[in-house]
């Protein structure tokens, strides 16, 4: 716990008027210390911060169909050729930015586990991509393994429901992320059922 967090916790545990007391306490601190504490509290600014997604099996199927139906090239403005540079903000339309954010939100929710879904087994998706592009998925709890020749395997474990609906949604969201940011000509992914230890 940082000194700032400790200060907030101590003041919040006090009597009514704790916000005013915290403000008065912060006003006595050096400006540089306040800036440092704010930056620590914000965390990394160069990564994606996922938003919560409400899901049940019906919504999961709808998301999968929606992401699967999009031609992501319609959301691009002069993107670099596939299998080269990543697609940056300037090469996406505003709608493309929002679609990309929604795909990442869904990925995070699915990998983290969602209260509205009833998992029946654990599954894993192994995603192979250039090492220089792996940071795109830094917002996920993934295990990265170097494969050599500049390639990385990201292992994403997730709770699967009946009929493989979560895996289908993960793949659909990954297609959107690839089409709007990663920019790989082919994104290699393999799904496995961890409980049965067989490929699916």
Protein backbone atom coordinates (compact mmCIF):
# COMPACT_ATOMS: atom_id res chain seq x y z
CA UNK A 1 0.00 0.00 0.00
CA UNK A 2 1.40 3.40 -0.96
CA UNK A 3 1.63 6.32 1.46
CA UNK A 4 -1.18 8.00 -0.48
CA UNK A 5 -3.43 4.93 -0.22
CA UNK A 6 -2.68 4.70 3.50
CA UNK A 7 -3.56 8.38 3.97
CA UNK A 8 -6.87 7.97 2.13
CA UNK A 9 -7.71 4.81 4.11
CA UNK A 10 -6.96 6.45 7.45
CA UNK A 11 -9.00 9.55 6.67
CA UNK A 12 -11.90 7.54 5.21
CA UNK A 13 -12.06 5.47 8.40
CA UNK A 14 -12.59 8.65 10.41
CA UNK A 15 -15.72 10.57 11.27
CA UNK A 16 -18.06 12.43 8.86
CA UNK A 17 -16.28 15.18 6.97
CA UNK A 18 -13.41 12.88 6.02
CA UNK A 19 -13.24 14.32 2.48
CA UNK A 20 -12.60 17.80 3.89
CA UNK A 21 -10.00 16.35 6.26
CA UNK A 22 -8.28 14.51 3.41
CA UNK A 23 -8.24 17.68 1.30
CA UNK A 24 -6.67 19.64 4.17
CA UNK A 25 -4.06 16.91 4.68
CA UNK A 26 -3.20 16.77 0.96
CA UNK A 27 -2.76 20.56 0.84
CA UNK A 28 0.10 20.20 3.31
CA UNK A 29 2.02 17.75 1.09
CA UNK A 30 4.76 18.77 -1.38
CA UNK A 31 3.52 19.15 -4.95
CA UNK A 32 6.07 16.67 -6.34
CA UNK A 33 4.92 14.02 -3.85
CA UNK A 34 1.29 14.55 -4.88
CA UNK A 35 2.16 14.17 -8.57
CA UNK A 36 4.11 10.97 -7.89
CA UNK A 37 1.25 9.50 -5.86
CA UNK A 38 -1.26 10.38 -8.57
CA UNK A 39 0.85 8.64 -11.23
CA UNK A 40 1.17 5.53 -9.06
CA UNK A 41 -2.60 5.49 -8.50
CA UNK A 42 -3.34 5.84 -12.23
CA UNK A 43 -1.08 2.93 -13.11
CA UNK A 44 0.23 2.36 -16.64
CA UNK A 45 -1.20 4.83 -19.14
CA UNK A 46 0.00 3.08 -22.29
CA UNK A 47 -2.20 0.00 -21.93
CA UNK A 48 -5.90 -0.59 -22.47
CA UNK A 49 -8.17 -0.31 -19.44
CA UNK A 50 -11.11 -2.69 -19.95
CA UNK A 51 -14.66 -1.70 -19.10
CA UNK A 52 -17.10 -4.12 -17.42
CA UNK A 53 -19.34 -6.21 -19.68
CA UNK A 54 -22.60 -7.83 -18.59
CA UNK A 55 -23.08 -11.25 -20.15
CA UNK A 56 -25.32 -14.25 -20.18
CA UNK A 57 -25.37 -16.99 -22.81
CA UNK A 58 -27.85 -15.11 -25.03
CA UNK A 59 -25.75 -11.93 -24.98
CA UNK A 60 -22.63 -13.99 -25.59
CA UNK A 61 -24.12 -15.43 -28.78
CA UNK A 62 -25.20 -11.92 -29.87
CA UNK A 63 -21.69 -10.51 -29.33
CA UNK A 64 -20.15 -13.39 -31.27
CA UNK A 65 -22.52 -12.88 -34.20
CA UNK A 66 -22.00 -9.10 -34.16
CA UNK A 67 -18.20 -9.26 -34.12
CA UNK A 68 -18.20 -12.05 -36.69
CA UNK A 69 -20.33 -10.00 -39.09
CA UNK A 70 -18.14 -6.89 -39.20
CA UNK A 71 -15.87 -6.18 -42.13
CA UNK A 72 -13.25 -4.35 -40.10
CA UNK A 73 -11.71 -2.85 -43.26
CA UNK A 74 -14.75 -0.55 -43.40
CA UNK A 75 -13.47 0.98 -40.12
CA UNK A 76 -10.01 1.82 -41.46
CA UNK A 77 -8.48 4.91 -43.06
CA UNK A 78 -5.36 4.06 -45.04
CA UNK A 79 -4.09 1.26 -42.81
CA UNK A 80 -0.63 -0.29 -43.42
CA UNK A 81 -0.50 -3.54 -45.41
CA UNK A 82 -1.19 -6.74 -43.43
CA UNK A 83 1.64 -8.61 -41.70
CA UNK A 84 3.60 -5.41 -41.15
CA UNK A 85 3.06 -2.46 -38.85
CA UNK A 86 0.23 -2.37 -36.36
CA UNK A 87 -2.80 -0.22 -37.11
CA UNK A 88 -2.65 3.00 -35.09
CA UNK A 89 -5.29 5.43 -33.94
CA UNK A 90 -4.92 7.66 -37.01
CA UNK A 91 -5.79 4.74 -39.31
CA UNK A 92 -9.11 3.91 -37.58
CA UNK A 93 -12.46 5.64 -37.81
CA UNK A 94 -14.11 6.70 -34.52
CA UNK A 95 -16.47 3.75 -34.92
CA UNK A 96 -13.45 1.50 -35.45
CA UNK A 97 -11.98 2.73 -32.16
CA UNK A 98 -15.21 1.93 -30.33
CA UNK A 99 -15.52 -1.50 -31.97
CA UNK A 100 -11.92 -2.31 -30.99
CA UNK A 101 -12.60 -1.21 -27.41
CA UNK A 102 -15.74 -3.37 -27.26
CA UNK A 103 -13.80 -6.41 -28.54
CA UNK A 104 -11.11 -5.89 -25.89
CA UNK A 105 -13.75 -5.41 -23.18
CA UNK A 106 -15.36 -8.69 -24.19
CA UNK A 107 -12.01 -10.51 -24.26
CA UNK A 108 -11.17 -9.29 -20.78
CA UNK A 109 -14.58 -10.27 -19.42
CA UNK A 110 -14.38 -13.75 -20.94
CA UNK A 111 -10.83 -14.50 -19.79
CA UNK A 112 -11.52 -13.12 -16.30
CA UNK A 113 -14.77 -15.04 -15.90
CA UNK A 114 -18.23 -13.49 -15.88
CA UNK A 115 -20.81 -13.94 -13.14
CA UNK A 116 -23.65 -14.32 -15.67
CA UNK A 117 -22.14 -17.47 -17.21
CA UNK A 118 -22.02 -20.99 -15.78
CA UNK A 119 -18.69 -22.62 -16.70
CA UNK A 120 -18.52 -26.39 -17.16
CA UNK A 121 -14.77 -26.73 -17.82
CA UNK A 122 -11.51 -24.82 -18.26
CA UNK A 123 -10.24 -24.12 -21.75
CA UNK A 124 -7.14 -22.51 -23.22
CA UNK A 125 -6.43 -20.54 -26.34
CA UNK A 126 -2.82 -20.46 -27.57
CA UNK A 127 -2.27 -17.41 -29.74
CA UNK A 128 0.88 -17.06 -31.85
CA UNK A 129 1.92 -13.55 -32.89
CA UNK A 130 5.01 -11.39 -33.36
CA UNK A 131 6.68 -10.56 -30.05
CA UNK A 132 6.59 -6.84 -30.83
CA UNK A 133 2.77 -6.98 -30.94
CA UNK A 134 2.17 -8.98 -27.76
CA UNK A 135 1.73 -5.83 -25.65
CA UNK A 136 -1.66 -5.32 -27.31
CA UNK A 137 -2.92 -7.98 -24.88
CA UNK A 138 -1.21 -6.63 -21.75
CA UNK A 139 -4.67 -6.01 -20.23
CA UNK A 140 -5.31 -9.78 -20.16
CA UNK A 141 -4.04 -12.30 -17.64
CA UNK A 142 -2.02 -14.27 -20.19
CA UNK A 143 1.17 -16.30 -20.05
CA UNK A 144 3.72 -15.36 -22.72
CA UNK A 145 6.23 -17.87 -24.04
CA UNK A 146 8.99 -16.92 -26.49
CA UNK A 147 9.01 -19.21 -29.51
CA UNK A 148 12.11 -17.79 -31.18
CA UNK A 149 12.42 -15.94 -34.50
CA UNK A 150 10.56 -12.98 -32.95
CA UNK A 151 7.39 -14.99 -32.28
CA UNK A 152 5.49 -15.29 -28.99
CA UNK A 153 2.78 -17.66 -27.80
CA UNK A 154 0.17 -16.15 -25.50
CA UNK A 155 -1.75 -18.68 -23.43
CA UNK A 156 -5.21 -17.49 -22.43
CA UNK A 157 -7.07 -19.72 -19.98
CA UNK A 158 -10.80 -19.14 -19.67
CA UNK A 159 -13.89 -20.74 -18.15
CA UNK A 160 -15.90 -22.43 -20.90
CA UNK A 161 -19.65 -22.98 -20.95
CA UNK A 162 -21.59 -25.67 -22.76
CA UNK A 163 -21.32 -25.76 -26.57
CA UNK A 164 -18.01 -23.84 -26.57
CA UNK A 165 -19.76 -20.47 -26.63
CA UNK A 166 -16.98 -18.64 -24.76
CA UNK A 167 -14.29 -19.94 -27.12
CA UNK A 168 -16.36 -18.85 -30.13
CA UNK A 169 -16.74 -15.37 -28.64
CA UNK A 170 -13.01 -15.15 -27.83
CA UNK A 171 -12.13 -16.02 -31.44
CA UNK A 172 -14.67 -13.50 -32.82
CA UNK A 173 -13.26 -10.74 -30.58
CA UNK A 174 -9.69 -11.64 -31.57
CA UNK A 175 -10.60 -11.29 -35.25
CA UNK A 176 -11.76 -7.73 -34.56
CA UNK A 177 -8.60 -6.91 -32.58
CA UNK A 178 -6.49 -8.30 -35.41
CA UNK A 179 -8.40 -6.43 -38.10
CA UNK A 180 -8.30 -3.10 -36.25
CA UNK A 181 -4.95 -3.17 -34.45
CA UNK A 182 -2.65 -6.22 -34.73
CA UNK A 183 -2.80 -6.28 -38.52
CA UNK A 184 -1.58 -9.84 -39.04
CA UNK A 185 -2.46 -11.46 -42.36
CA UNK A 186 -3.33 -14.65 -40.47
CA UNK A 187 -3.65 -14.84 -36.69
CA UNK A 188 -2.80 -18.35 -35.52
CA UNK A 189 -4.79 -19.62 -32.56
CA UNK A 190 -5.43 -23.09 -31.13
CA UNK A 191 -8.15 -23.95 -28.63
CA UNK A 192 -7.75 -26.76 -26.12
CA UNK A 193 -9.94 -28.26 -23.42
CA UNK A 194 -7.72 -28.22 -20.34
CA UNK A 195 -9.82 -30.68 -18.37
CA UNK A 196 -9.66 -33.32 -21.09
CA UNK A 197 -6.20 -32.27 -22.31
CA UNK A 198 -7.24 -32.75 -25.92
CA UNK A 199 -7.38 -30.35 -28.84
CA UNK A 200 -10.82 -29.10 -29.85
